[in-house]
Amino acid sequence: AGVSPASVYRRYDKKDGFIPALFEFYHERLLDWSASPAAQ
């Protein structure tokens, strides 16, 4: 990602914190796509 490991730990308490965050990230992408002309 081009950031320091300290930046990761400021954001996530441990690596497993990425799991729900990744699902949210994909959910946001899906919502954005579903509103796009391509989805329509």
Full PDB file with SEQRES, HELIX, SHEET, SSBOND, CRYST1, ORIGX, SCALE, CONECT and MASTER records, all heavy atoms in Angstrom:
SEQRES   1 A   40  ALA GLY VAL SER PRO ALA SER VAL TYR ARG ARG TYR ASP          
SEQRES   2 A   40  LYS LYS ASP GLY PHE ILE PRO ALA LEU PHE GLU PHE TYR          
SEQRES   3 A   40  HIS GLU ARG LEU LEU ASP TRP SER ALA SER PRO ALA ALA          
SEQRES   4 A   40  GLN                                                          
HELIX    1 AA1 PRO A    5  ARG A   11  1                                   7    
HELIX    2 AA2 LYS A   15  GLY A   17  5                                   3    
HELIX    3 AA3 PHE A   18  SER A   34  1                                  17    
CRYST1    1.000    1.000    1.000  90.00  90.00  90.00 P 1           1          
ORIGX1      1.000000  0.000000  0.000000        0.00000                         
ORIGX2      0.000000  1.000000  0.000000        0.00000                         
ORIGX3      0.000000  0.000000  1.000000        0.00000                         
SCALE1      1.000000  0.000000  0.000000        0.00000                         
SCALE2      0.000000  1.000000  0.000000        0.00000                         
SCALE3      0.000000  0.000000  1.000000        0.00000                         
ATOM      1  N   ALA A   1       0.817  -1.216   0.000  1.00  0.00           N  
ATOM      2  CA  ALA A   1       0.000   0.000   0.000  1.00  0.00           C  
ATOM      3  C   ALA A   1       0.848   1.263   0.000  1.00  0.00           C  
ATOM      4  O   ALA A   1       0.329   2.368  -0.182  1.00  0.00           O  
ATOM      5  CB  ALA A   1      -0.918   0.008   1.213  1.00  0.00           C  
ATOM      6  N   GLY A   2       2.152   1.106   0.244  1.00  0.00           N  
ATOM      7  CA  GLY A   2       3.031   2.266   0.288  1.00  0.00           C  
ATOM      8  C   GLY A   2       2.915   3.065   1.575  1.00  0.00           C  
ATOM      9  O   GLY A   2       3.113   4.278   1.573  1.00  0.00           O  
ATOM     10  N   VAL A   3       2.562   2.369   2.668  1.00  0.00           N  
ATOM     11  CA  VAL A   3       2.474   3.026   3.981  1.00  0.00           C  
ATOM     12  C   VAL A   3       3.317   2.234   4.979  1.00  0.00           C  
ATOM     13  O   VAL A   3       3.760   1.125   4.692  1.00  0.00           O  
ATOM     14  CB  VAL A   3       1.008   3.132   4.483  1.00  0.00           C  
ATOM     15  CG1 VAL A   3       0.158   3.920   3.499  1.00  0.00           C  
ATOM     16  CG2 VAL A   3       0.400   1.760   4.728  1.00  0.00           C  
ATOM     17  N   SER A   4       3.514   2.798   6.147  1.00  0.00           N  
ATOM     18  CA  SER A   4       4.293   2.100   7.171  1.00  0.00           C  
ATOM     19  C   SER A   4       3.412   1.111   7.931  1.00  0.00           C  
ATOM     20  O   SER A   4       2.191   1.298   8.011  1.00  0.00           O  
ATOM     21  CB  SER A   4       4.875   3.103   8.161  1.00  0.00           C  
ATOM     22  OG  SER A   4       3.852   3.643   8.964  1.00  0.00           O  
ATOM     23  N   PRO A   5       4.004   0.056   8.485  1.00  0.00           N  
ATOM     24  CA  PRO A   5       3.221  -0.862   9.332  1.00  0.00           C  
ATOM     25  C   PRO A   5       2.539  -0.122  10.487  1.00  0.00           C  
ATOM     26  O   PRO A   5       1.432  -0.483  10.881  1.00  0.00           O  
ATOM     27  CB  PRO A   5       4.261  -1.860   9.836  1.00  0.00           C  
ATOM     28  CG  PRO A   5       5.302  -1.874   8.768  1.00  0.00           C  
ATOM     29  CD  PRO A   5       5.376  -0.443   8.283  1.00  0.00           C  
ATOM     30  N   ALA A   6       3.172   0.939  10.997  1.00  0.00           N  
ATOM     31  CA  ALA A   6       2.547   1.718  12.071  1.00  0.00           C  
ATOM     32  C   ALA A   6       1.230   2.334  11.605  1.00  0.00           C  
ATOM     33  O   ALA A   6       0.268   2.415  12.382  1.00  0.00           O  
ATOM     34  CB  ALA A   6       3.502   2.804  12.548  1.00  0.00           C  
ATOM     35  N   SER A   7       1.158   2.725  10.341  1.00  0.00           N  
ATOM     36  CA  SER A   7      -0.088   3.267   9.786  1.00  0.00           C  
ATOM     37  C   SER A   7      -1.187   2.215   9.792  1.00  0.00           C  
ATOM     38  O   SER A   7      -2.355   2.527  10.016  1.00  0.00           O  
ATOM     39  CB  SER A   7       0.123   3.762   8.355  1.00  0.00           C  
ATOM     40  OG  SER A   7       0.964   4.873   8.331  1.00  0.00           O  
ATOM     41  N   VAL A   8      -0.801   0.983   9.533  1.00  0.00           N  
ATOM     42  CA  VAL A   8      -1.780  -0.111   9.559  1.00  0.00           C  
ATOM     43  C   VAL A   8      -2.316  -0.283  10.975  1.00  0.00           C  
ATOM     44  O   VAL A   8      -3.528  -0.365  11.187  1.00  0.00           O  
ATOM     45  CB  VAL A   8      -1.156  -1.435   9.060  1.00  0.00           C  
ATOM     46  CG1 VAL A   8      -2.156  -2.589   9.196  1.00  0.00           C  
ATOM     47  CG2 VAL A   8      -0.675  -1.303   7.628  1.00  0.00           C  
ATOM     48  N   TYR A   9      -1.421  -0.308  11.939  1.00  0.00           N  
ATOM     49  CA  TYR A   9      -1.838  -0.530  13.325  1.00  0.00           C  
ATOM     50  C   TYR A   9      -2.575   0.676  13.914  1.00  0.00           C  
ATOM     51  O   TYR A   9      -3.347   0.509  14.856  1.00  0.00           O  
ATOM     52  CB  TYR A   9      -0.655  -0.933  14.195  1.00  0.00           C  
ATOM     53  CG  TYR A   9      -0.231  -2.349  13.925  1.00  0.00           C  
ATOM     54  CD1 TYR A   9       1.011  -2.635  13.376  1.00  0.00           C  
ATOM     55  CD2 TYR A   9      -1.090  -3.413  14.199  1.00  0.00           C  
ATOM     56  CE1 TYR A   9       1.387  -3.950  13.115  1.00  0.00           C  
ATOM     57  CE2 TYR A   9      -0.719  -4.721  13.933  1.00  0.00           C  
ATOM     58  CZ  TYR A   9       0.517  -4.979  13.402  1.00  0.00           C  
ATOM     59  OH  TYR A   9       0.886  -6.281  13.142  1.00  0.00           O  
ATOM     60  N   ARG A  10      -2.390   1.856  13.343  1.00  0.00           N  
ATOM     61  CA  ARG A  10      -3.214   3.001  13.763  1.00  0.00           C  
ATOM     62  C   ARG A  10      -4.647   2.816  13.293  1.00  0.00           C  
ATOM     63  O   ARG A  10      -5.584   3.310  13.889  1.00  0.00           O  
ATOM     64  CB  ARG A  10      -2.649   4.305  13.212  1.00  0.00           C  
ATOM     65  CG  ARG A  10      -1.551   4.894  14.067  1.00  0.00           C  
ATOM     66  CD  ARG A  10      -1.237   6.321  13.674  1.00  0.00           C  
ATOM     67  NE  ARG A  10      -0.646   6.447  12.347  1.00  0.00           N  
ATOM     68  CZ  ARG A  10       0.643   6.353  12.103  1.00  0.00           C  
ATOM     69  NH1 ARG A  10       1.498   6.117  13.079  1.00  0.00           N  
ATOM     70  NH2 ARG A  10       1.097   6.482  10.876  1.00  0.00           N  
ATOM     71  N   ARG A  11      -4.804   2.109  12.220  1.00  0.00           N  
ATOM     72  CA  ARG A  11      -6.114   1.918  11.601  1.00  0.00           C  
ATOM     73  C   ARG A  11      -6.797   0.622  12.053  1.00  0.00           C  
ATOM     74  O   ARG A  11      -8.004   0.574  12.226  1.00  0.00           O  
ATOM     75  CB  ARG A  11      -5.872   1.891  10.089  1.00  0.00           C  
ATOM     76  CG  ARG A  11      -7.018   1.686   9.276  1.00  0.00           C  
ATOM     77  CD  ARG A  11      -7.219   2.854   8.330  1.00  0.00           C  
ATOM     78  NE  ARG A  11      -8.589   2.826   7.973  1.00  0.00           N  
ATOM     79  CZ  ARG A  11      -9.557   3.406   8.662  1.00  0.00           C  
ATOM     80  NH1 ARG A  11      -9.296   4.129   9.678  1.00  0.00           N  
ATOM     81  NH2 ARG A  11     -10.791   3.279   8.297  1.00  0.00           N  
ATOM     82  N   TYR A  12      -6.022  -0.443  12.214  1.00  0.00           N  
ATOM     83  CA  TYR A  12      -6.556  -1.763  12.582  1.00  0.00           C  
ATOM     84  C   TYR A  12      -5.827  -2.277  13.802  1.00  0.00           C  
ATOM     85  O   TYR A  12      -4.603  -2.196  13.870  1.00  0.00           O  
ATOM     86  CB  TYR A  12      -6.370  -2.760  11.421  1.00  0.00           C  
ATOM     87  CG  TYR A  12      -7.062  -2.299  10.175  1.00  0.00           C  
ATOM     88  CD1 TYR A  12      -6.364  -1.623   9.182  1.00  0.00           C  
ATOM     89  CD2 TYR A  12      -8.423  -2.494  10.000  1.00  0.00           C  
ATOM     90  CE1 TYR A  12      -7.007  -1.158   8.046  1.00  0.00           C  
ATOM     91  CE2 TYR A  12      -9.070  -2.032   8.865  1.00  0.00           C  
ATOM     92  CZ  TYR A  12      -8.357  -1.366   7.897  1.00  0.00           C  
ATOM     93  OH  TYR A  12      -8.994  -0.900   6.783  1.00  0.00           O  
ATOM     94  N   ASP A  13      -6.575  -2.847  14.737  1.00  0.00           N  
ATOM     95  CA  ASP A  13      -5.925  -3.334  15.954  1.00  0.00           C  
ATOM     96  C   ASP A  13      -5.122  -4.606  15.711  1.00  0.00           C  
ATOM     97  O   ASP A  13      -4.178  -4.896  16.432  1.00  0.00           O  
ATOM     98  CB  ASP A  13      -6.922  -3.517  17.091  1.00  0.00           C  
ATOM     99  CG  ASP A  13      -8.027  -4.512  16.782  1.00  0.00           C  
ATOM    100  OD1 ASP A  13      -8.114  -4.976  15.634  1.00  0.00           O  
ATOM    101  OD2 ASP A  13      -8.814  -4.817  17.698  1.00  0.00           O  
ATOM    102  N   LYS A  14      -5.478  -5.350  14.676  1.00  0.00           N  
ATOM    103  CA  LYS A  14      -4.732  -6.550  14.289  1.00  0.00           C  
ATOM    104  C   LYS A  14      -5.109  -6.903  12.855  1.00  0.00           C  
ATOM    105  O   LYS A  14      -6.040  -6.316  12.284  1.00  0.00           O  
ATOM    106  CB  LYS A  14      -5.021  -7.716  15.230  1.00  0.00           C  
ATOM    107  CG  LYS A  14      -6.484  -8.059  15.342  1.00  0.00           C  
ATOM    108  CD  LYS A  14      -6.713  -9.133  16.377  1.00  0.00           C  
ATOM    109  CE  LYS A  14      -8.212  -9.398  16.492  1.00  0.00           C  
ATOM    110  NZ  LYS A  14      -8.498 -10.434  17.426  1.00  0.00           N  
ATOM    111  N   LYS A  15      -4.427  -7.843  12.278  1.00  0.00           N  
ATOM    112  CA  LYS A  15      -4.671  -8.197  10.882  1.00  0.00           C  
ATOM    113  C   LYS A  15      -6.104  -8.679  10.663  1.00  0.00           C  
ATOM    114  O   LYS A  15      -6.711  -8.360   9.639  1.00  0.00           O  
ATOM    115  CB  LYS A  15      -3.679  -9.273  10.431  1.00  0.00           C  
ATOM    116  CG  LYS A  15      -3.790  -9.579   8.929  1.00  0.00           C  
ATOM    117  CD  LYS A  15      -2.753 -10.556   8.470  1.00  0.00           C  
ATOM    118  CE  LYS A  15      -3.296 -11.948   8.605  1.00  0.00           C  
ATOM    119  NZ  LYS A  15      -2.476 -12.963   7.957  1.00  0.00           N  
ATOM    120  N   ASP A  16      -6.667  -9.376  11.617  1.00  0.00           N  
ATOM    121  CA  ASP A  16      -8.043  -9.857  11.458  1.00  0.00           C  
ATOM    122  C   ASP A  16      -9.055  -8.717  11.335  1.00  0.00           C  
ATOM    123  O   ASP A  16     -10.168  -8.932  10.859  1.00  0.00           O  
ATOM    124  CB  ASP A  16      -8.426 -10.777  12.614  1.00  0.00           C  
ATOM    125  CG  ASP A  16      -7.741 -12.128  12.531  1.00  0.00           C  
ATOM    126  OD1 ASP A  16      -7.180 -12.451  11.462  1.00  0.00           O  
ATOM    127  OD2 ASP A  16      -7.753 -12.865  13.532  1.00  0.00           O  
ATOM    128  N   GLY A  17      -8.675  -7.512  11.755  1.00  0.00           N  
ATOM    129  CA  GLY A  17      -9.545  -6.354  11.590  1.00  0.00           C  
ATOM    130  C   GLY A  17      -9.795  -6.014  10.133  1.00  0.00           C  
ATOM    131  O   GLY A  17     -10.750  -5.312   9.805  1.00  0.00           O  
ATOM    132  N   PHE A  18      -8.953  -6.521   9.253  1.00  0.00           N  
ATOM    133  CA  PHE A  18      -9.146  -6.304   7.825  1.00  0.00           C  
ATOM    134  C   PHE A  18     -10.344  -7.064   7.270  1.00  0.00           C  
ATOM    135  O   PHE A  18     -10.935  -6.644   6.280  1.00  0.00           O  
ATOM    136  CB  PHE A  18      -7.901  -6.769   7.035  1.00  0.00           C  
ATOM    137  CG  PHE A  18      -6.809  -5.764   6.952  1.00  0.00           C  
ATOM    138  CD1 PHE A  18      -5.719  -5.819   7.797  1.00  0.00           C  
ATOM    139  CD2 PHE A  18      -6.853  -4.748   6.004  1.00  0.00           C  
ATOM    140  CE1 PHE A  18      -4.699  -4.893   7.705  1.00  0.00           C  
ATOM    141  CE2 PHE A  18      -5.843  -3.816   5.902  1.00  0.00           C  
ATOM    142  CZ  PHE A  18      -4.759  -3.889   6.760  1.00  0.00           C  
ATOM    143  N   ILE A  19     -10.699  -8.168   7.876  1.00  0.00           N  
ATOM    144  CA  ILE A  19     -11.749  -9.021   7.313  1.00  0.00           C  
ATOM    145  C   ILE A  19     -13.088  -8.291   7.205  1.00  0.00           C  
ATOM    146  O   ILE A  19     -13.638  -8.173   6.102  1.00  0.00           O  
ATOM    147  CB  ILE A  19     -11.853 -10.351   8.075  1.00  0.00           C  
ATOM    148  CG1 ILE A  19     -10.547 -11.137   7.891  1.00  0.00           C  
ATOM    149  CG2 ILE A  19     -13.058 -11.167   7.596  1.00  0.00           C  
ATOM    150  CD1 ILE A  19     -10.418 -12.352   8.772  1.00  0.00           C  
ATOM    151  N   PRO A  20     -13.647  -7.775   8.308  1.00  0.00           N  
ATOM    152  CA  PRO A  20     -14.915  -7.047   8.142  1.00  0.00           C  
ATOM    153  C   PRO A  20     -14.744  -5.777   7.316  1.00  0.00           C  
ATOM    154  O   PRO A  20     -15.661  -5.396   6.577  1.00  0.00           O  
ATOM    155  CB  PRO A  20     -15.367  -6.741   9.568  1.00  0.00           C  
ATOM    156  CG  PRO A  20     -14.191  -6.980  10.438  1.00  0.00           C  
ATOM    157  CD  PRO A  20     -13.270  -7.899   9.701  1.00  0.00           C  
ATOM    158  N   ALA A  21     -13.581  -5.146   7.410  1.00  0.00           N  
ATOM    159  CA  ALA A  21     -13.333  -3.935   6.621  1.00  0.00           C  
ATOM    160  C   ALA A  21     -13.323  -4.252   5.129  1.00  0.00           C  
ATOM    161  O   ALA A  21     -13.826  -3.473   4.317  1.00  0.00           O  
ATOM    162  CB  ALA A  21     -12.022  -3.291   7.042  1.00  0.00           C  
ATOM    163  N   LEU A  22     -12.779  -5.399   4.759  1.00  0.00           N  
ATOM    164  CA  LEU A  22     -12.748  -5.804   3.360  1.00  0.00           C  
ATOM    165  C   LEU A  22     -14.162  -6.077   2.846  1.00  0.00           C  
ATOM    166  O   LEU A  22     -14.517  -5.682   1.737  1.00  0.00           O  
ATOM    167  CB  LEU A  22     -11.856  -7.042   3.182  1.00  0.00           C  
ATOM    168  CG  LEU A  22     -11.483  -7.434   1.770  1.00  0.00           C  
ATOM    169  CD1 LEU A  22     -10.745  -6.302   1.068  1.00  0.00           C  
ATOM    170  CD2 LEU A  22     -10.627  -8.682   1.776  1.00  0.00           C  
ATOM    171  N   PHE A  23     -14.988  -6.709   3.675  1.00  0.00           N  
ATOM    172  CA  PHE A  23     -16.386  -6.926   3.284  1.00  0.00           C  
ATOM    173  C   PHE A  23     -17.105  -5.599   3.085  1.00  0.00           C  
ATOM    174  O   PHE A  23     -17.866  -5.444   2.124  1.00  0.00           O  
ATOM    175  CB  PHE A  23     -17.125  -7.782   4.316  1.00  0.00           C  
ATOM    176  CG  PHE A  23     -16.862  -9.241   4.170  1.00  0.00           C  
ATOM    177  CD1 PHE A  23     -16.069  -9.900   5.098  1.00  0.00           C  
ATOM    178  CD2 PHE A  23     -17.391  -9.960   3.115  1.00  0.00           C  
ATOM    179  CE1 PHE A  23     -15.813 -11.258   4.960  1.00  0.00           C  
ATOM    180  CE2 PHE A  23     -17.140 -11.318   2.973  1.00  0.00           C  
ATOM    181  CZ  PHE A  23     -16.346 -11.966   3.902  1.00  0.00           C  
ATOM    182  N   GLU A  24     -16.874  -4.627   3.957  1.00  0.00           N  
ATOM    183  CA  GLU A  24     -17.477  -3.304   3.803  1.00  0.00           C  
ATOM    184  C   GLU A  24     -16.994  -2.632   2.522  1.00  0.00           C  
ATOM    185  O   GLU A  24     -17.767  -1.996   1.807  1.00  0.00           O  
ATOM    186  CB  GLU A  24     -17.148  -2.416   5.003  1.00  0.00           C  
ATOM    187  CG  GLU A  24     -17.934  -2.763   6.237  1.00  0.00           C  
ATOM    188  CD  GLU A  24     -17.585  -1.877   7.420  1.00  0.00           C  
ATOM    189  OE1 GLU A  24     -17.037  -0.764   7.211  1.00  0.00           O  
ATOM    190  OE2 GLU A  24     -17.849  -2.311   8.549  1.00  0.00           O  
ATOM    191  N   PHE A  25     -15.699  -2.763   2.238  1.00  0.00           N  
ATOM    192  CA  PHE A  25     -15.107  -2.190   1.037  1.00  0.00           C  
ATOM    193  C   PHE A  25     -15.784  -2.767  -0.211  1.00  0.00           C  
ATOM    194  O   PHE A  25     -16.171  -2.027  -1.125  1.00  0.00           O  
ATOM    195  CB  PHE A  25     -13.608  -2.480   1.041  1.00  0.00           C  
ATOM    196  CG  PHE A  25     -12.831  -1.854  -0.071  1.00  0.00           C  
ATOM    197  CD1 PHE A  25     -12.627  -0.485  -0.121  1.00  0.00           C  
ATOM    198  CD2 PHE A  25     -12.251  -2.642  -1.059  1.00  0.00           C  
ATOM    199  CE1 PHE A  25     -11.873   0.096  -1.138  1.00  0.00           C  
ATOM    200  CE2 PHE A  25     -11.498  -2.069  -2.066  1.00  0.00           C  
ATOM    201  CZ  PHE A  25     -11.314  -0.700  -2.109  1.00  0.00           C  
ATOM    202  N   TYR A  26     -15.950  -4.092  -0.242  1.00  0.00           N  
ATOM    203  CA  TYR A  26     -16.619  -4.732  -1.379  1.00  0.00           C  
ATOM    204  C   TYR A  26     -18.085  -4.336  -1.453  1.00  0.00           C  
ATOM    205  O   TYR A  26     -18.629  -4.137  -2.534  1.00  0.00           O  
ATOM    206  CB  TYR A  26     -16.488  -6.252  -1.313  1.00  0.00           C  
ATOM    207  CG  TYR A  26     -15.134  -6.766  -1.690  1.00  0.00           C  
ATOM    208  CD1 TYR A  26     -14.545  -7.805  -0.985  1.00  0.00           C  
ATOM    209  CD2 TYR A  26     -14.425  -6.243  -2.755  1.00  0.00           C  
ATOM    210  CE1 TYR A  26     -13.299  -8.298  -1.325  1.00  0.00           C  
ATOM    211  CE2 TYR A  26     -13.170  -6.729  -3.105  1.00  0.00           C  
ATOM    212  CZ  TYR A  26     -12.627  -7.746  -2.393  1.00  0.00           C  
ATOM    213  OH  TYR A  26     -11.394  -8.233  -2.727  1.00  0.00           O  
ATOM    214  N   HIS A  27     -18.728  -4.198  -0.297  1.00  0.00           N  
ATOM    215  CA  HIS A  27     -20.130  -3.793  -0.269  1.00  0.00           C  
ATOM    216  C   HIS A  27     -20.288  -2.393  -0.856  1.00  0.00           C  
ATOM    217  O   HIS A  27     -21.203  -2.149  -1.652  1.00  0.00           O  
ATOM    218  CB  HIS A  27     -20.661  -3.854   1.172  1.00  0.00           C  
ATOM    219  CG  HIS A  27     -22.112  -3.544   1.263  1.00  0.00           C  
ATOM    220  ND1 HIS A  27     -22.575  -2.394   1.837  1.00  0.00           N  
ATOM    221  CD2 HIS A  27     -23.205  -4.232   0.837  1.00  0.00           C  
ATOM    222  CE1 HIS A  27     -23.897  -2.381   1.770  1.00  0.00           C  
ATOM    223  NE2 HIS A  27     -24.297  -3.480   1.170  1.00  0.00           N  
ATOM    224  N   GLU A  28     -19.409  -1.466  -0.479  1.00  0.00           N  
ATOM    225  CA  GLU A  28     -19.437  -0.117  -1.037  1.00  0.00           C  
ATOM    226  C   GLU A  28     -19.246  -0.150  -2.545  1.00  0.00           C  
ATOM    227  O   GLU A  28     -19.934   0.552  -3.285  1.00  0.00           O  
ATOM    228  CB  GLU A  28     -18.350   0.753  -0.406  1.00  0.00           C  
ATOM    229  CG  GLU A  28     -18.630   1.156   1.010  1.00  0.00           C  
ATOM    230  CD  GLU A  28     -17.473   1.906   1.642  1.00  0.00           C  
ATOM    231  OE1 GLU A  28     -16.567   2.369   0.908  1.00  0.00           O  
ATOM    232  OE2 GLU A  28     -17.472   2.030   2.877  1.00  0.00           O  
ATOM    233  N   ARG A  29     -18.318  -0.971  -3.007  1.00  0.00           N  
ATOM    234  CA  ARG A  29     -18.084  -1.104  -4.459  1.00  0.00           C  
ATOM    235  C   ARG A  29     -19.330  -1.628  -5.159  1.00  0.00           C  
ATOM    236  O   ARG A  29     -19.692  -1.165  -6.233  1.00  0.00           O  
ATOM    237  CB  ARG A  29     -16.942  -2.082  -4.725  1.00  0.00           C  
ATOM    238  CG  ARG A  29     -15.603  -1.486  -4.708  1.00  0.00           C  
ATOM    239  CD  ARG A  29     -14.676  -2.531  -5.234  1.00  0.00           C  
ATOM    240  NE  ARG A  29     -13.314  -2.077  -5.295  1.00  0.00           N  
ATOM    241  CZ  ARG A  29     -12.316  -2.874  -5.599  1.00  0.00           C  
ATOM    242  NH1 ARG A  29     -12.524  -4.140  -5.854  1.00  0.00           N  
ATOM    243  NH2 ARG A  29     -11.099  -2.412  -5.633  1.00  0.00           N  
ATOM    244  N   LEU A  30     -19.971  -2.611  -4.568  1.00  0.00           N  
ATOM    245  CA  LEU A  30     -21.172  -3.195  -5.154  1.00  0.00           C  
ATOM    246  C   LEU A  30     -22.294  -2.163  -5.231  1.00  0.00           C  
ATOM    247  O   LEU A  30     -22.981  -2.062  -6.254  1.00  0.00           O  
ATOM    248  CB  LEU A  30     -21.616  -4.415  -4.347  1.00  0.00           C  
ATOM    249  CG  LEU A  30     -22.833  -5.164  -4.862  1.00  0.00           C  
ATOM    250  CD1 LEU A  30     -22.582  -5.685  -6.273  1.00  0.00           C  
ATOM    251  CD2 LEU A  30     -23.181  -6.296  -3.927  1.00  0.00           C  
ATOM    252  N   LEU A  31     -22.462  -1.376  -4.168  1.00  0.00           N  
ATOM    253  CA  LEU A  31     -23.484  -0.331  -4.183  1.00  0.00           C  
ATOM    254  C   LEU A  31     -23.183   0.714  -5.249  1.00  0.00           C  
ATOM    255  O   LEU A  31     -24.096   1.143  -5.972  1.00  0.00           O  
ATOM    256  CB  LEU A  31     -23.584   0.329  -2.809  1.00  0.00           C  
ATOM    257  CG  LEU A  31     -24.166  -0.528  -1.692  1.00  0.00           C  
ATOM    258  CD1 LEU A  31     -24.113   0.224  -0.370  1.00  0.00           C  
ATOM    259  CD2 LEU A  31     -25.581  -0.969  -2.011  1.00  0.00           C  
ATOM    260  N   ASP A  32     -21.915   1.111  -5.357  1.00  0.00           N  
ATOM    261  CA  ASP A  32     -21.529   2.079  -6.389  1.00  0.00           C  
ATOM    262  C   ASP A  32     -21.798   1.518  -7.778  1.00  0.00           C  
ATOM    263  O   ASP A  32     -22.337   2.204  -8.648  1.00  0.00           O  
ATOM    264  CB  ASP A  32     -20.042   2.452  -6.269  1.00  0.00           C  
ATOM    265  CG  ASP A  32     -19.753   3.319  -5.058  1.00  0.00           C  
ATOM    266  OD1 ASP A  32     -20.695   3.867  -4.453  1.00  0.00           O  
ATOM    267  OD2 ASP A  32     -18.558   3.435  -4.707  1.00  0.00           O  
ATOM    268  N   TRP A  33     -21.430   0.257  -7.981  1.00  0.00           N  
ATOM    269  CA  TRP A  33     -21.638  -0.356  -9.295  1.00  0.00           C  
ATOM    270  C   TRP A  33     -23.124  -0.477  -9.601  1.00  0.00           C  
ATOM    271  O   TRP A  33     -23.556  -0.196 -10.720  1.00  0.00           O  
ATOM    272  CB  TRP A  33     -20.984  -1.733  -9.371  1.00  0.00           C  
ATOM    273  CG  TRP A  33     -21.245  -2.379 -10.700  1.00  0.00           C  
ATOM    274  CD1 TRP A  33     -20.559  -2.168 -11.855  1.00  0.00           C  
ATOM    275  CD2 TRP A  33     -22.299  -3.283 -11.034  1.00  0.00           C  
ATOM    276  NE1 TRP A  33     -21.113  -2.903 -12.886  1.00  0.00           N  
ATOM    277  CE2 TRP A  33     -22.182  -3.596 -12.396  1.00  0.00           C  
ATOM    278  CE3 TRP A  33     -23.331  -3.862 -10.295  1.00  0.00           C  
ATOM    279  CZ2 TRP A  33     -23.066  -4.451 -13.039  1.00  0.00           C  
ATOM    280  CZ3 TRP A  33     -24.209  -4.723 -10.944  1.00  0.00           C  
ATOM    281  CH2 TRP A  33     -24.062  -5.004 -12.305  1.00  0.00           C  
ATOM    282  N   SER A  34     -23.926  -0.875  -8.611  1.00  0.00           N  
ATOM    283  CA  SER A  34     -25.356  -1.080  -8.864  1.00  0.00           C  
ATOM    284  C   SER A  34     -26.067   0.214  -9.243  1.00  0.00           C  
ATOM    285  O   SER A  34     -27.111   0.180  -9.887  1.00  0.00           O  
ATOM    286  CB  SER A  34     -26.036  -1.745  -7.670  1.00  0.00           C  
ATOM    287  OG  SER A  34     -26.047  -0.876  -6.562  1.00  0.00           O  
ATOM    288  N   ALA A  35     -25.503   1.351  -8.858  1.00  0.00           N  
ATOM    289  CA  ALA A  35     -26.077   2.645  -9.226  1.00  0.00           C  
ATOM    290  C   ALA A  35     -25.519   3.174 -10.544  1.00  0.00           C  
ATOM    291  O   ALA A  35     -25.965   4.204 -11.040  1.00  0.00           O  
ATOM    292  CB  ALA A  35     -25.814   3.658  -8.114  1.00  0.00           C  
ATOM    293  N   SER A  36     -24.571   2.469 -11.124  1.00  0.00           N  
ATOM    294  CA  SER A  36     -23.914   2.944 -12.341  1.00  0.00           C  
ATOM    295  C   SER A  36     -24.740   2.634 -13.590  1.00  0.00           C  
ATOM    296  O   SER A  36     -25.588   1.740 -13.585  1.00  0.00           O  
ATOM    297  CB  SER A  36     -22.539   2.279 -12.483  1.00  0.00           C  
ATOM    298  OG  SER A  36     -22.692   0.920 -12.859  1.00  0.00           O  
ATOM    299  N   PRO A  37     -24.481   3.359 -14.664  1.00  0.00           N  
ATOM    300  CA  PRO A  37     -25.158   3.069 -15.936  1.00  0.00           C  
ATOM    301  C   PRO A  37     -24.900   1.635 -16.420  1.00  0.00           C  
ATOM    302  O   PRO A  37     -25.789   1.017 -17.002  1.00  0.00           O  
ATOM    303  CB  PRO A  37     -24.557   4.097 -16.900  1.00  0.00           C  
ATOM    304  CG  PRO A  37     -24.092   5.215 -16.031  1.00  0.00           C  
ATOM    305  CD  PRO A  37     -23.647   4.561 -14.757  1.00  0.00           C  
ATOM    306  N   ALA A  38     -23.714   1.109 -16.172  1.00  0.00           N  
ATOM    307  CA  ALA A  38     -23.405  -0.260 -16.607  1.00  0.00           C  
ATOM    308  C   ALA A  38     -24.333  -1.261 -15.933  1.00  0.00           C  
ATOM    309  O   ALA A  38     -24.812  -2.207 -16.563  1.00  0.00           O  
ATOM    310  CB  ALA A  38     -21.948  -0.600 -16.299  1.00  0.00           C  
ATOM    311  N   ALA A  39     -24.607  -1.050 -14.667  1.00  0.00           N  
ATOM    312  CA  ALA A  39     -25.505  -1.954 -13.950  1.00  0.00           C  
ATOM    313  C   ALA A  39     -26.927  -1.815 -14.476  1.00  0.00           C  
ATOM    314  O   ALA A  39     -27.650  -2.809 -14.601  1.00  0.00           O  
ATOM    315  CB  ALA A  39     -25.465  -1.672 -12.456  1.00  0.00           C  
ATOM    316  N   GLN A  40     -27.320  -0.593 -14.770  1.00  0.00           N  
ATOM    317  CA  GLN A  40     -28.663  -0.368 -15.299  1.00  0.00           C  
ATOM    318  C   GLN A  40     -28.816  -1.033 -16.662  1.00  0.00           C  
ATOM    319  O   GLN A  40     -29.851  -1.636 -16.956  1.00  0.00           O  
ATOM    320  CB  GLN A  40     -28.956   1.138 -15.396  1.00  0.00           C  
ATOM    321  CG  GLN A  40     -28.838   1.879 -14.080  1.00  0.00           C  
ATOM    322  CD  GLN A  40     -29.644   1.271 -12.960  1.00  0.00           C  
ATOM    323  OE1 GLN A  40     -30.790   0.901 -13.138  1.00  0.00           O  
ATOM    324  NE2 GLN A  40     -29.041   1.147 -11.794  1.00  0.00           N  
TER     325      GLN A  40                                                      
MASTER        0    0    0    3    0    0    0    6  324    1    0    4          
END                                                                             
